[in-house]
C-alpha atoms as a PDB file:
ATOM      1  CA  MET A   1       6.045   0.657   2.395  1.00  0.00           C
ATOM      2  CA  GLY A   2       2.539   1.807   3.152  1.00  0.00           C
ATOM      3  CA  ILE A   3      -0.267   2.914   0.903  1.00  0.00           C
ATOM      4  CA  GLY A   4       0.448   6.596   1.556  1.00  0.00           C
ATOM      5  CA  THR A   5       4.127   6.244   0.713  1.00  0.00           C
ATOM      6  CA  SER A   6       3.277   4.414  -2.502  1.00  0.00           C
ATOM      7  CA  ILE A   7       0.865   7.112  -3.599  1.00  0.00           C
ATOM      8  CA  PHE A   8       3.477   9.761  -2.748  1.00  0.00           C
ATOM      9  CA  LEU A   9       6.084   7.984  -4.912  1.00  0.00           C
ATOM     10  CA  ILE A  10       3.621   7.724  -7.794  1.00  0.00           C
ATOM     11  CA  ALA A  11       2.829  11.445  -7.522  1.00  0.00           C
ATOM     12  CA  VAL A  12       6.487  12.513  -7.376  1.00  0.00           C
ATOM     13  CA  GLY A  13       7.310  10.206 -10.276  1.00  0.00           C
ATOM     14  CA  ALA A  14       4.483  11.650 -12.360  1.00  0.00           C
ATOM     15  CA  ILE A  15       5.674  15.170 -11.615  1.00  0.00           C
ATOM     16  CA  LEU A  16       9.217  14.297 -12.681  1.00  0.00           C
ATOM     17  CA  LYS A  17       8.013  12.480 -15.791  1.00  0.00           C
ATOM     18  CA  PHE A  18       5.423  14.919 -17.101  1.00  0.00           C
ATOM     19  CA  ALA A  19       5.955  18.349 -15.495  1.00  0.00           C
ATOM     20  CA  VAL A  20       9.679  18.903 -15.051  1.00  0.00           C
ATOM     21  CA  THR A  21      11.467  20.167 -18.133  1.00  0.00           C
ATOM     22  CA  THR A  22      14.784  21.029 -16.488  1.00  0.00           C
ATOM     23  CA  SER A  23      17.807  19.028 -17.502  1.00  0.00           C
ATOM     24  CA  VAL A  24      20.420  17.814 -15.052  1.00  0.00           C
ATOM     25  CA  SER A  25      23.795  16.666 -16.325  1.00  0.00           C
ATOM     26  CA  GLY A  26      24.335  12.953 -15.889  1.00  0.00           C
ATOM     27  CA  ILE A  27      20.743  12.068 -14.985  1.00  0.00           C
ATOM     28  CA  GLU A  28      17.534  11.880 -16.947  1.00  0.00           C
ATOM     29  CA  LEU A  29      14.683  13.117 -14.758  1.00  0.00           C
ATOM     30  CA  ALA A  30      12.001  11.499 -16.912  1.00  0.00           C
ATOM     31  CA  THR A  31      13.636   8.106 -16.367  1.00  0.00           C
ATOM     32  CA  VAL A  32      13.795   8.710 -12.620  1.00  0.00           C
ATOM     33  CA  GLY A  33      10.105   9.610 -12.768  1.00  0.00           C
ATOM     34  CA  VAL A  34       9.216   6.365 -14.527  1.00  0.00           C
ATOM     35  CA  ILE A  35      11.236   4.377 -11.983  1.00  0.00           C
ATOM     36  CA  LEU A  36       9.439   6.092  -9.092  1.00  0.00           C
ATOM     37  CA  ILE A  37       6.047   5.434 -10.691  1.00  0.00           C
ATOM     38  CA  VAL A  38       6.846   1.737 -11.151  1.00  0.00           C
ATOM     39  CA  VAL A  39       8.182   1.371  -7.599  1.00  0.00           C
ATOM     40  CA  GLY A  40       5.120   3.193  -6.230  1.00  0.00           C
ATOM     41  CA  ILE A  41       2.720   0.952  -8.133  1.00  0.00           C
ATOM     42  CA  LEU A  42       4.517  -2.191  -6.973  1.00  0.00           C
ATOM     43  CA  GLY A  43       4.504  -0.940  -3.390  1.00  0.00           C
ATOM     44  CA  LEU A  44       0.801  -0.124  -3.637  1.00  0.00           C
ATOM     45  CA  LEU A  45      -0.022  -3.594  -4.942  1.00  0.00           C
ATOM     46  CA  VAL A  46       1.994  -5.277  -2.180  1.00  0.00           C
ATOM     47  CA  SER A  47       0.406  -3.054   0.489  1.00  0.00           C
ATOM     48  CA  LEU A  48      -3.099  -3.792  -0.781  1.00  0.00           C
ATOM     49  CA  PHE A  49      -2.320  -7.515  -0.914  1.00  0.00           C
ATOM     50  CA  TYR A  50      -1.150  -7.563   2.707  1.00  0.00           C
ATOM     51  CA  ALA A  51      -4.083  -5.418   3.852  1.00  0.00           C
ATOM     52  CA  ASN A  52      -6.505  -7.788   2.126  1.00  0.00           C
ATOM     53  CA  ALA A  53      -4.807 -10.867   3.586  1.00  0.00           C
ATOM     54  CA  ALA A  54      -4.903  -9.393   7.094  1.00  0.00           C
ATOM     55  CA  GLY A  55      -8.611  -8.651   6.725  1.00  0.00           C
ATOM     56  CA  ARG A  56      -9.409 -12.248   5.791  1.00  0.00           C
ATOM     57  CA  ARG A  57      -7.518 -13.580   8.787  1.00  0.00           C
ATOM     58  CA  GLY A  58     -10.085 -12.283  11.287  1.00  0.00           C
ATOM     59  CA  ALA A  59     -10.307 -13.587  14.814  1.00  0.00           C
ATOM     60  CA  VAL A  60     -12.348 -16.689  15.485  1.00  0.00           C
ATOM     61  CA  VAL A  61     -14.890 -16.100  18.215  1.00  0.00           C
ATOM     62  CA  GLN A  62     -16.340 -19.058  20.015  1.00  0.00           C
ATOM     63  CA  ASP A  63     -19.300 -18.811  22.335  1.00  0.00           C
ATOM     64  CA  ARG A  64     -18.972 -20.699  25.553  1.00  0.00           C
ATOM     65  CA  VAL A  65     -22.222 -22.259  26.661  1.00  0.00           C
ATOM     66  CA  VAL A  66     -22.661 -22.481  30.414  1.00  0.00           C
ATOM     67  CA  GLU A  67     -25.511 -24.714  31.442  1.00  0.00           C
ATOM     68  CA  ARG A  68     -27.329 -23.645  34.556  1.00  0.00           C
ATOM     69  CA  ASP A  69     -29.914 -25.366  36.650  1.00  0.00           C
ATOM     70  CA  PRO A  70     -33.231 -23.595  35.911  1.00  0.00           C
ATOM     71  CA  LEU A  71     -34.357 -23.986  39.535  1.00  0.00           C
ATOM     72  CA  VAL A  72     -31.521 -22.045  41.045  1.00  0.00           C
END
């Protein structure tokens, strides 16, 4: 799950939790909203952790010294 997907889940969850007042038989939309918010936050934390770990693992660059004869 990427950062964008996590933010989308948080936004949809917040809409279901705080803005929707419709009732559906057999399901509580506020509870679904809270679940989506929690899943979105967990996904965001995992995505940020992996992005940070990948940034620290940068490539190692080694310079190769080639000695040349100054007279040539």
